[in-house]
N, C-alpha and C. Protein backbone atom coordinates (compact mmCIF):
# COMPACT_ATOMS: atom_id res chain seq x y z
N MET A 1 8.59 -7.95 4.03
CA MET A 1 7.69 -6.63 4.54
C MET A 1 6.26 -7.32 4.61
N SER A 2 6.05 -8.39 5.02
CA SER A 2 4.84 -9.00 5.41
C SER A 2 4.30 -8.63 6.72
N ALA A 3 5.09 -8.27 7.73
CA ALA A 3 4.64 -7.68 9.11
C ALA A 3 4.63 -6.11 9.03
N HIS A 4 3.79 -5.56 8.38
CA HIS A 4 3.53 -4.14 8.40
C HIS A 4 2.17 -3.65 8.45
N SER A 5 2.21 -2.35 8.53
CA SER A 5 0.74 -1.64 8.51
C SER A 5 0.38 -1.05 7.39
N LEU A 6 0.88 -1.50 6.19
CA LEU A 6 0.20 -1.05 4.80
C LEU A 6 -0.99 -1.73 4.79
N ALA A 7 -1.95 -1.03 4.05
CA ALA A 7 -3.42 -1.38 3.79
C ALA A 7 -3.49 -2.83 2.93
N ILE A 8 -2.45 -3.09 2.19
CA ILE A 8 -2.39 -4.33 1.56
C ILE A 8 -2.36 -5.55 2.70
N GLU A 9 -1.64 -5.08 3.64
CA GLU A 9 -1.59 -6.40 4.67
C GLU A 9 -2.74 -6.23 5.68
N THR A 10 -3.10 -5.03 6.16
CA THR A 10 -3.98 -4.89 7.35
C THR A 10 -5.44 -5.20 6.60
N GLY A 11 -5.53 -4.74 5.54
CA GLY A 11 -6.88 -5.13 4.87
C GLY A 11 -7.24 -6.83 4.61
N ARG A 12 -6.09 -7.25 4.50
CA ARG A 12 -6.07 -8.85 4.27
C ARG A 12 -6.67 -9.62 5.63
N HIS A 13 -6.24 -8.82 6.74
CA HIS A 13 -6.72 -9.33 8.07
C HIS A 13 -8.39 -8.92 8.14
N LYS A 14 -8.73 -8.01 7.45
CA LYS A 14 -10.18 -7.53 7.73
C LYS A 14 -10.90 -8.03 6.62
N SER A 15 -10.45 -8.95 5.79
CA SER A 15 -11.04 -9.54 4.66
C SER A 15 -11.63 -8.42 3.53
N GLN A 16 -10.74 -7.53 3.39
CA GLN A 16 -11.11 -6.53 2.40
C GLN A 16 -10.63 -7.05 0.90
N SER A 17 -11.29 -6.58 -0.04
CA SER A 17 -10.75 -6.99 -1.27
C SER A 17 -9.48 -6.07 -1.58
N PRO A 18 -8.46 -6.75 -2.29
CA PRO A 18 -7.31 -5.82 -2.70
C PRO A 18 -7.45 -4.48 -3.37
N SER A 19 -8.53 -4.50 -4.01
CA SER A 19 -8.66 -3.18 -4.65
C SER A 19 -9.34 -2.10 -3.71
N ASP A 20 -9.75 -2.55 -2.52
CA ASP A 20 -10.38 -1.64 -1.61
C ASP A 20 -9.18 -1.43 -0.50
N ARG A 21 -8.02 -1.65 -0.54
CA ARG A 21 -6.98 -1.47 0.45
C ARG A 21 -6.08 -0.34 -0.03
N LEU A 22 -6.80 0.86 0.14
CA LEU A 22 -6.25 1.93 -0.33
C LEU A 22 -5.19 2.86 0.51
N CYS A 23 -4.18 3.43 -0.31
CA CYS A 23 -3.30 4.43 0.50
C CYS A 23 -4.04 5.48 1.04
N THR A 24 -3.87 5.99 2.22
CA THR A 24 -4.76 7.21 2.63
C THR A 24 -4.21 8.41 2.06
N ASN A 25 -3.09 8.48 1.52
CA ASN A 25 -2.43 9.67 1.04
C ASN A 25 -2.79 9.68 -0.51
N CYS A 26 -2.64 8.75 -1.20
CA CYS A 26 -2.76 8.91 -2.69
C CYS A 26 -4.06 8.22 -3.03
N ASN A 27 -4.83 7.73 -2.35
CA ASN A 27 -6.14 7.08 -2.84
C ASN A 27 -6.05 6.05 -3.99
N VAL A 28 -4.88 5.23 -3.93
CA VAL A 28 -4.77 4.12 -4.89
C VAL A 28 -4.51 2.87 -3.98
N GLN A 29 -4.50 1.87 -4.67
CA GLN A 29 -4.14 0.46 -3.91
C GLN A 29 -2.89 0.65 -3.15
N GLU A 30 -2.81 0.48 -1.90
CA GLU A 30 -1.46 0.59 -1.07
C GLU A 30 -0.88 -0.80 -0.98
N THR A 31 0.15 -0.99 -1.92
CA THR A 31 1.04 -2.22 -1.99
C THR A 31 2.43 -1.86 -1.53
N GLU A 32 3.20 -2.88 -1.36
CA GLU A 32 4.50 -2.61 -0.82
C GLU A 32 5.27 -1.69 -2.02
N MET A 33 5.11 -2.08 -3.29
CA MET A 33 5.68 -1.32 -4.40
C MET A 33 5.29 0.15 -4.34
N HIS A 34 4.03 0.46 -4.22
CA HIS A 34 3.47 1.63 -4.15
C HIS A 34 4.16 2.60 -2.98
N HIS A 35 4.26 1.94 -1.83
CA HIS A 35 4.91 2.46 -0.59
C HIS A 35 6.38 2.76 -0.90
N VAL A 36 7.13 2.03 -1.50
CA VAL A 36 8.58 2.03 -1.79
C VAL A 36 8.78 3.00 -2.91
N MET A 37 7.76 2.83 -3.93
CA MET A 37 8.48 3.53 -5.29
C MET A 37 7.67 4.73 -5.50
N TYR A 38 6.26 4.98 -5.09
CA TYR A 38 5.52 6.00 -5.57
C TYR A 38 4.87 6.97 -4.56
N CYS A 39 4.45 6.62 -3.41
CA CYS A 39 3.56 7.31 -2.30
C CYS A 39 4.39 8.60 -2.23
N SER A 40 3.70 9.65 -2.45
CA SER A 40 4.22 11.09 -2.25
C SER A 40 4.50 11.50 -0.85
N LYS A 41 4.03 10.78 0.07
CA LYS A 41 4.25 10.94 1.55
C LYS A 41 5.46 10.73 1.88
N PHE A 42 6.21 9.85 1.05
CA PHE A 42 7.52 9.45 1.42
C PHE A 42 8.67 9.75 0.33
N ASP A 43 8.28 10.82 -0.35
CA ASP A 43 9.16 11.46 -1.36
C ASP A 43 10.60 11.74 -0.78
N ASN A 44 10.59 12.55 0.30
CA ASN A 44 11.96 12.99 0.92
C ASN A 44 12.68 11.74 1.37
N LEU A 45 11.89 10.72 1.76
CA LEU A 45 12.85 9.55 2.39
C LEU A 45 13.23 8.70 1.18
N ARG A 46 12.51 8.75 0.12
CA ARG A 46 12.96 7.98 -1.12
C ARG A 46 14.18 8.48 -1.64
N VAL A 47 14.61 9.82 -1.42
CA VAL A 47 15.63 10.34 -2.24
C VAL A 47 16.95 9.61 -2.06
N LYS A 48 17.01 9.39 -0.54
CA LYS A 48 18.35 8.71 -0.22
C LYS A 48 18.30 7.19 -0.64
N LEU A 49 17.19 6.41 -0.48
CA LEU A 49 17.13 5.21 -0.89
C LEU A 49 17.46 4.91 -2.54
N PHE A 50 16.97 5.86 -3.14
CA PHE A 50 17.30 5.87 -4.73
C PHE A 50 18.62 6.15 -4.96
N ALA A 51 19.32 7.10 -4.32
CA ALA A 51 20.59 7.55 -4.43
C ALA A 51 21.72 6.41 -4.21
N VAL A 52 21.29 5.63 -3.22
CA VAL A 52 22.14 4.45 -2.87
C VAL A 52 21.78 3.35 -3.82
N SER A 53 20.59 3.22 -4.32
CA SER A 53 20.34 2.15 -5.41
C SER A 53 21.04 2.49 -6.61
N ARG A 54 21.24 3.80 -6.98
CA ARG A 54 21.80 4.06 -8.11
C ARG A 54 23.43 3.51 -8.15
N LYS A 55 24.04 3.69 -6.90
CA LYS A 55 25.31 3.32 -6.74
C LYS A 55 25.37 1.85 -6.58
N GLU A 56 24.51 1.29 -6.05
CA GLU A 56 24.81 -0.16 -5.71
C GLU A 56 24.13 -1.32 -6.82
N ILE A 57 23.18 -0.80 -7.42
CA ILE A 57 22.53 -1.45 -8.57
C ILE A 57 22.89 -1.06 -9.86
N ARG A 58 23.58 -2.02 -10.44
CA ARG A 58 24.19 -1.70 -12.08
C ARG A 58 22.91 -1.48 -12.88
N TYR A 59 23.01 -0.22 -13.58
CA TYR A 59 22.19 0.30 -14.56
C TYR A 59 20.61 0.35 -13.96
N PHE A 60 20.72 0.96 -12.63
CA PHE A 60 19.46 1.12 -11.83
C PHE A 60 18.45 1.95 -12.64
N ASP A 61 18.91 3.07 -13.34
CA ASP A 61 18.18 4.14 -13.88
C ASP A 61 17.86 3.53 -15.36
N LYS A 62 18.54 2.70 -15.88
CA LYS A 62 18.26 1.98 -17.32
C LYS A 62 17.27 0.84 -17.22
N LEU A 63 17.01 0.32 -16.09
CA LEU A 63 16.03 -0.80 -15.97
C LEU A 63 14.69 -0.25 -16.44
N LEU A 64 14.04 -1.31 -17.26
CA LEU A 64 13.01 -0.78 -18.12
C LEU A 64 11.61 -0.45 -17.21
N THR A 65 11.54 -1.09 -16.03
CA THR A 65 10.26 -0.87 -15.51
C THR A 65 10.57 -0.47 -13.91
N ASP A 66 9.51 0.33 -13.47
CA ASP A 66 9.69 0.53 -11.87
C ASP A 66 9.61 -0.84 -11.14
N GLU A 67 8.70 -1.60 -11.85
CA GLU A 67 8.62 -3.04 -11.12
C GLU A 67 10.16 -3.63 -10.95
N ARG A 68 10.70 -3.71 -11.98
CA ARG A 68 12.10 -4.12 -12.09
C ARG A 68 13.02 -3.69 -11.09
N ARG A 69 12.81 -2.13 -10.95
CA ARG A 69 13.77 -1.49 -9.96
C ARG A 69 13.33 -1.80 -8.59
N PHE A 70 12.06 -2.01 -8.41
CA PHE A 70 11.57 -2.38 -6.99
C PHE A 70 12.19 -3.76 -6.68
N CYS A 71 12.02 -4.66 -7.57
CA CYS A 71 12.44 -5.99 -7.32
C CYS A 71 13.95 -6.13 -6.98
N LYS A 72 14.70 -5.11 -7.68
CA LYS A 72 16.14 -5.03 -7.55
C LYS A 72 16.35 -4.50 -6.16
N ILE A 73 15.67 -3.50 -5.67
CA ILE A 73 15.92 -2.92 -4.42
C ILE A 73 15.69 -3.97 -3.33
N MET A 74 14.54 -4.68 -3.53
CA MET A 74 14.04 -5.62 -2.47
C MET A 74 15.04 -6.79 -2.56
N GLU A 75 15.87 -7.06 -3.42
CA GLU A 75 16.77 -8.20 -3.33
C GLU A 75 17.81 -7.89 -2.57
N VAL A 76 18.31 -6.57 -2.12
CA VAL A 76 19.12 -6.31 -1.01
C VAL A 76 20.21 -7.08 -1.05
N ASN A 77 21.29 -6.91 -2.02
CA ASN A 77 22.49 -7.78 -2.09
C ASN A 77 23.69 -7.06 -1.67
N THR A 78 23.55 -5.76 -1.14
CA THR A 78 24.90 -5.25 -0.75
C THR A 78 24.46 -4.56 0.66
N ILE A 79 25.52 -4.27 1.43
CA ILE A 79 25.37 -3.79 2.72
C ILE A 79 24.93 -2.35 2.73
N PRO A 80 25.35 -1.51 1.88
CA PRO A 80 24.82 -0.02 1.92
C PRO A 80 23.34 -0.10 1.30
N LEU A 81 22.92 -0.80 0.46
CA LEU A 81 21.47 -1.03 0.07
C LEU A 81 20.76 -1.40 1.29
N ALA A 82 21.18 -2.34 2.00
CA ALA A 82 20.38 -2.98 2.99
C ALA A 82 20.16 -1.93 4.12
N ASN A 83 21.29 -1.08 4.23
CA ASN A 83 21.16 -0.02 5.19
C ASN A 83 20.19 1.24 4.92
N ALA A 84 20.22 1.45 3.68
CA ALA A 84 19.29 2.50 3.00
C ALA A 84 17.87 1.96 2.91
N LEU A 85 17.72 0.62 2.76
CA LEU A 85 16.29 0.22 2.76
C LEU A 85 15.72 0.12 4.06
N GLY A 86 16.58 -0.23 5.03
CA GLY A 86 16.26 -0.43 6.37
C GLY A 86 15.88 1.01 7.07
N GLN A 87 16.74 1.99 6.71
CA GLN A 87 16.50 3.31 7.10
C GLN A 87 15.33 4.00 6.56
N TYR A 88 15.11 3.68 5.23
CA TYR A 88 13.62 4.10 4.58
C TYR A 88 12.42 3.47 5.38
N LEU A 89 12.56 2.03 5.45
CA LEU A 89 11.34 1.47 6.06
C LEU A 89 11.24 1.97 7.59
N THR A 90 12.24 2.06 8.31
CA THR A 90 12.11 2.55 9.73
C THR A 90 11.49 4.10 9.76
N GLN A 91 12.16 4.84 9.04
CA GLN A 91 11.60 6.36 8.87
C GLN A 91 10.02 6.25 8.44
N ALA A 92 9.84 5.44 7.27
CA ALA A 92 8.44 5.59 6.91
C ALA A 92 7.47 5.07 7.91
N SER A 93 7.87 4.10 8.62
CA SER A 93 7.00 3.38 9.59
C SER A 93 6.69 4.46 10.79
N ILE A 94 7.58 5.23 11.04
CA ILE A 94 7.44 6.36 12.07
C ILE A 94 6.57 7.39 11.36
N VAL A 95 6.53 7.76 10.16
CA VAL A 95 5.57 8.62 9.49
C VAL A 95 4.18 7.98 9.58
N ILE A 96 4.06 6.75 9.42
CA ILE A 96 2.87 6.08 9.26
C ILE A 96 2.14 5.90 10.71
N ASN A 97 2.86 5.69 11.67
CA ASN A 97 2.46 5.52 12.98
C ASN A 97 2.22 6.64 13.89
N ASN A 98 2.70 7.78 13.13
CA ASN A 98 2.47 9.26 13.92
C ASN A 98 1.88 10.22 12.89
N PRO A 99 0.77 9.94 12.42
CA PRO A 99 0.11 10.94 11.39
C PRO A 99 -0.11 12.24 11.91
N ALA A 100 0.07 12.56 13.08
CA ALA A 100 -0.06 13.98 13.40
C ALA A 100 1.00 15.00 13.07
N GLY A 101 2.17 14.39 12.44
CA GLY A 101 3.29 14.96 12.27
C GLY A 101 4.22 15.02 13.19
N THR A 102 4.28 14.10 14.10
CA THR A 102 5.14 14.17 15.34
C THR A 102 6.24 13.28 15.04
N HIS A 103 6.63 13.05 13.71
CA HIS A 103 7.61 11.92 13.31
C HIS A 103 8.99 12.38 13.18
N PHE A 104 9.34 13.54 13.55
CA PHE A 104 10.78 14.14 13.33
C PHE A 104 11.62 13.27 14.45
N LEU A 105 12.83 12.85 13.75
CA LEU A 105 13.74 12.36 14.59
C LEU A 105 14.89 13.37 14.74
N PRO A 106 15.37 13.46 16.12
CA PRO A 106 16.56 14.44 16.22
C PRO A 106 17.75 14.05 15.38
N PRO A 107 18.72 14.76 15.30
CA PRO A 107 19.92 14.39 14.58
C PRO A 107 20.66 13.26 15.28
N CYS A 108 21.60 12.57 14.70
CA CYS A 108 22.22 11.47 15.15
C CYS A 108 23.07 11.86 16.54
N GLU A 109 23.45 12.99 16.67
CA GLU A 109 24.37 13.23 17.87
C GLU A 109 23.38 13.03 19.10
N THR A 110 22.12 13.22 19.07
CA THR A 110 21.27 13.17 20.20
C THR A 110 20.63 11.84 20.33
N ARG A 111 20.90 10.90 19.62
CA ARG A 111 20.25 9.52 19.60
C ARG A 111 21.14 8.40 19.13
N PRO A 112 21.08 7.15 19.39
CA PRO A 112 21.93 6.17 19.01
C PRO A 112 21.64 6.00 17.52
N CYS A 113 22.76 5.81 16.76
CA CYS A 113 22.71 5.84 15.19
C CYS A 113 23.74 4.78 14.72
N LEU A 114 23.44 3.76 14.15
CA LEU A 114 24.54 2.89 13.67
C LEU A 114 25.39 3.44 12.56
N SER A 115 24.75 4.35 11.79
CA SER A 115 25.61 4.84 10.60
C SER A 115 26.31 6.11 10.99
N ARG A 116 25.88 6.67 12.11
CA ARG A 116 26.63 7.99 12.67
C ARG A 116 26.28 9.14 11.60
N ARG A 117 25.20 9.10 10.86
CA ARG A 117 24.64 9.97 9.82
C ARG A 117 23.30 10.01 9.96
N CYS A 118 22.94 11.22 9.85
CA CYS A 118 21.37 11.51 10.04
C CYS A 118 20.72 10.81 8.65
N PHE A 119 19.51 10.49 8.78
CA PHE A 119 18.94 9.76 7.47
C PHE A 119 18.69 10.96 6.51
N TYR A 120 18.25 12.06 6.72
CA TYR A 120 17.85 13.17 5.95
C TYR A 120 19.28 13.65 5.36
């Protein structure tokens, strides 16, 4: 995830201190972990990612920390988890790059879709 538009990456190119690289939605340090695990802007997208994670990662809900859950998601060791993470990141980047709220994607029937299912 190093080629993305999160503040933790874009701020690095601007020589900003990591503590100044804030999420515009939550006003906390915007890291990859914040983006995937916490940012309320992506709560609806996270539902599917976590549902697949619960199926694909043994004892996902019993892992002691969110950091450990994040690491397990990012290990991406199954195809369903890779698909879910890819869909999450794709949809989230659309939301990030279209802040005016024009990020709706039409149902799969009207656009190419590898899974033949809508993300939502």
